[in-house]
Amino acid sequence: GALDVGQGLTDRVAVRLNAMGEDSRVFRDGVGFQRWGINPTATIAAGLNTTVRLGYERFDDRRVVDRGIPSAAGRPSDAPIARYFGDRDASHSRLAANVGTAVVEHQA
């Protein structure tokens, strides 16, 4: 799912919120991922020629890494395509990102 909403609060301040979430499984047995993100921002007209933009982003991604079907004799294995090769307990990947931004623009 995704969300994108914005609103001017005054003639000098506007805010926006972007958010997303996903919980997916793939065709291979026991493999999938969950991820979500949120990104609120604000824009402020700080003066006649100055704009300030502030933002924050939080993104989280958790998954079992799937490296696919191994090859044998120069071609993909004859194993069923849904078979997972590897150790699910040792193949977790996680990203947790926190990013803040501030941009000041001034036109002389």
Protein backbone atom coordinates (compact mmCIF):
# COMPACT_ATOMS: atom_id res chain seq x y z
CA GLY A 1 0.00 0.00 0.00
CA ALA A 2 1.00 3.61 -0.45
CA LEU A 3 -0.08 6.97 0.89
CA ASP A 4 0.71 10.46 -0.43
CA VAL A 5 -1.03 13.43 1.18
CA GLY A 6 -0.11 17.09 1.36
CA GLN A 7 -1.63 20.25 2.75
CA GLY A 8 -0.85 23.92 2.92
CA LEU A 9 -1.16 24.94 6.56
CA THR A 10 -0.73 28.67 5.99
CA ASP A 11 0.33 30.83 3.06
CA ARG A 12 3.95 30.20 4.16
CA VAL A 13 3.97 26.54 5.34
CA ALA A 14 3.07 23.30 3.56
CA VAL A 15 3.49 19.71 4.73
CA ARG A 16 3.45 16.39 2.94
CA LEU A 17 3.47 12.76 4.04
CA ASN A 18 4.51 9.82 1.89
CA ALA A 19 4.29 6.33 3.32
CA MET A 20 4.41 2.78 1.99
CA GLY A 21 4.24 -0.76 3.25
CA GLU A 22 4.59 -4.16 1.62
CA ASP A 23 4.40 -7.73 2.89
CA SER A 24 5.13 -10.15 0.05
CA ARG A 25 5.83 -13.78 -0.53
CA VAL A 26 7.45 -15.08 -3.67
CA PHE A 27 7.05 -18.34 -5.53
CA ARG A 28 9.97 -20.02 -3.75
CA ASP A 29 9.12 -21.96 -0.57
CA GLY A 30 9.48 -19.88 2.59
CA VAL A 31 10.89 -16.76 0.92
CA GLY A 32 9.44 -13.29 1.22
CA PHE A 33 9.97 -9.79 2.49
CA GLN A 34 8.42 -7.04 4.52
CA ARG A 35 9.26 -3.39 4.05
CA TRP A 36 7.82 -0.06 5.03
CA GLY A 37 8.77 3.57 4.79
CA ILE A 38 7.56 6.94 5.98
CA ASN A 39 8.69 10.33 4.71
CA PRO A 40 7.20 13.51 6.20
CA THR A 41 8.39 16.83 4.74
CA ALA A 42 7.71 20.50 5.33
CA THR A 43 8.32 23.52 3.12
CA ILE A 44 8.54 26.96 4.68
CA ALA A 45 8.61 30.29 2.87
CA ALA A 46 11.10 31.88 5.26
CA GLY A 47 11.30 35.20 3.47
CA LEU A 48 10.61 36.90 0.17
CA ASN A 49 13.39 34.97 -1.63
CA THR A 50 14.13 32.15 0.84
CA THR A 51 12.62 28.69 1.06
CA VAL A 52 13.44 26.05 3.70
CA ARG A 53 12.67 22.39 3.05
CA LEU A 54 12.87 19.89 5.91
CA GLY A 55 12.44 16.15 5.59
CA TYR A 56 12.87 12.87 7.38
CA GLU A 57 12.79 9.36 5.97
CA ARG A 58 12.55 6.08 7.83
CA PHE A 59 12.80 2.92 5.73
CA ASP A 60 12.87 -0.67 6.99
CA ASP A 61 13.38 -3.75 4.80
CA ARG A 62 13.53 -7.33 6.09
CA ARG A 63 13.83 -10.33 3.81
CA VAL A 64 15.15 -13.82 3.25
CA VAL A 65 17.77 -13.58 0.54
CA ASP A 66 16.99 -15.77 -2.47
CA ARG A 67 19.93 -16.38 -4.77
CA GLY A 68 17.92 -18.54 -7.16
CA ILE A 69 18.50 -21.98 -8.62
CA PRO A 70 22.09 -23.22 -8.87
CA SER A 71 23.45 -24.41 -12.18
CA ALA A 72 24.78 -27.85 -13.03
CA ALA A 73 26.74 -28.71 -16.17
CA GLY A 74 26.24 -25.21 -17.57
CA ARG A 75 22.45 -25.10 -17.20
CA PRO A 76 19.95 -24.49 -14.38
CA SER A 77 19.32 -27.39 -12.04
CA ASP A 78 16.40 -29.71 -12.76
CA ALA A 79 15.13 -29.10 -9.21
CA PRO A 80 11.58 -27.74 -8.87
CA ILE A 81 11.60 -23.97 -9.39
CA ALA A 82 9.86 -23.43 -6.03
CA ARG A 83 12.70 -25.11 -4.09
CA TYR A 84 14.77 -22.78 -1.93
CA PHE A 85 18.49 -23.44 -1.94
CA GLY A 86 20.23 -22.27 1.19
CA ASP A 87 19.67 -21.90 4.90
CA ARG A 88 16.69 -19.60 5.57
CA ASP A 89 17.86 -19.08 9.16
CA ALA A 90 21.24 -17.79 7.97
CA SER A 91 20.02 -15.82 4.93
CA HIS A 92 18.27 -12.83 6.48
CA SER A 93 18.90 -9.32 5.24
CA ARG A 94 17.78 -6.19 7.08
CA LEU A 95 18.05 -2.52 6.28
CA ALA A 96 16.94 0.16 8.72
CA ALA A 97 17.61 3.65 7.37
CA ASN A 98 17.01 7.01 9.03
CA VAL A 99 17.74 10.06 6.89
CA GLY A 100 17.15 13.70 7.70
CA THR A 101 17.46 16.54 5.20
CA ALA A 102 17.44 20.30 5.34
CA VAL A 103 17.74 22.53 2.28
CA VAL A 104 17.77 26.31 2.34
CA GLU A 105 17.35 28.08 -1.01
CA HIS A 106 17.87 31.80 -1.37
CA GLN A 107 17.60 33.73 -4.63
CA ALA A 108 19.35 37.08 -4.62
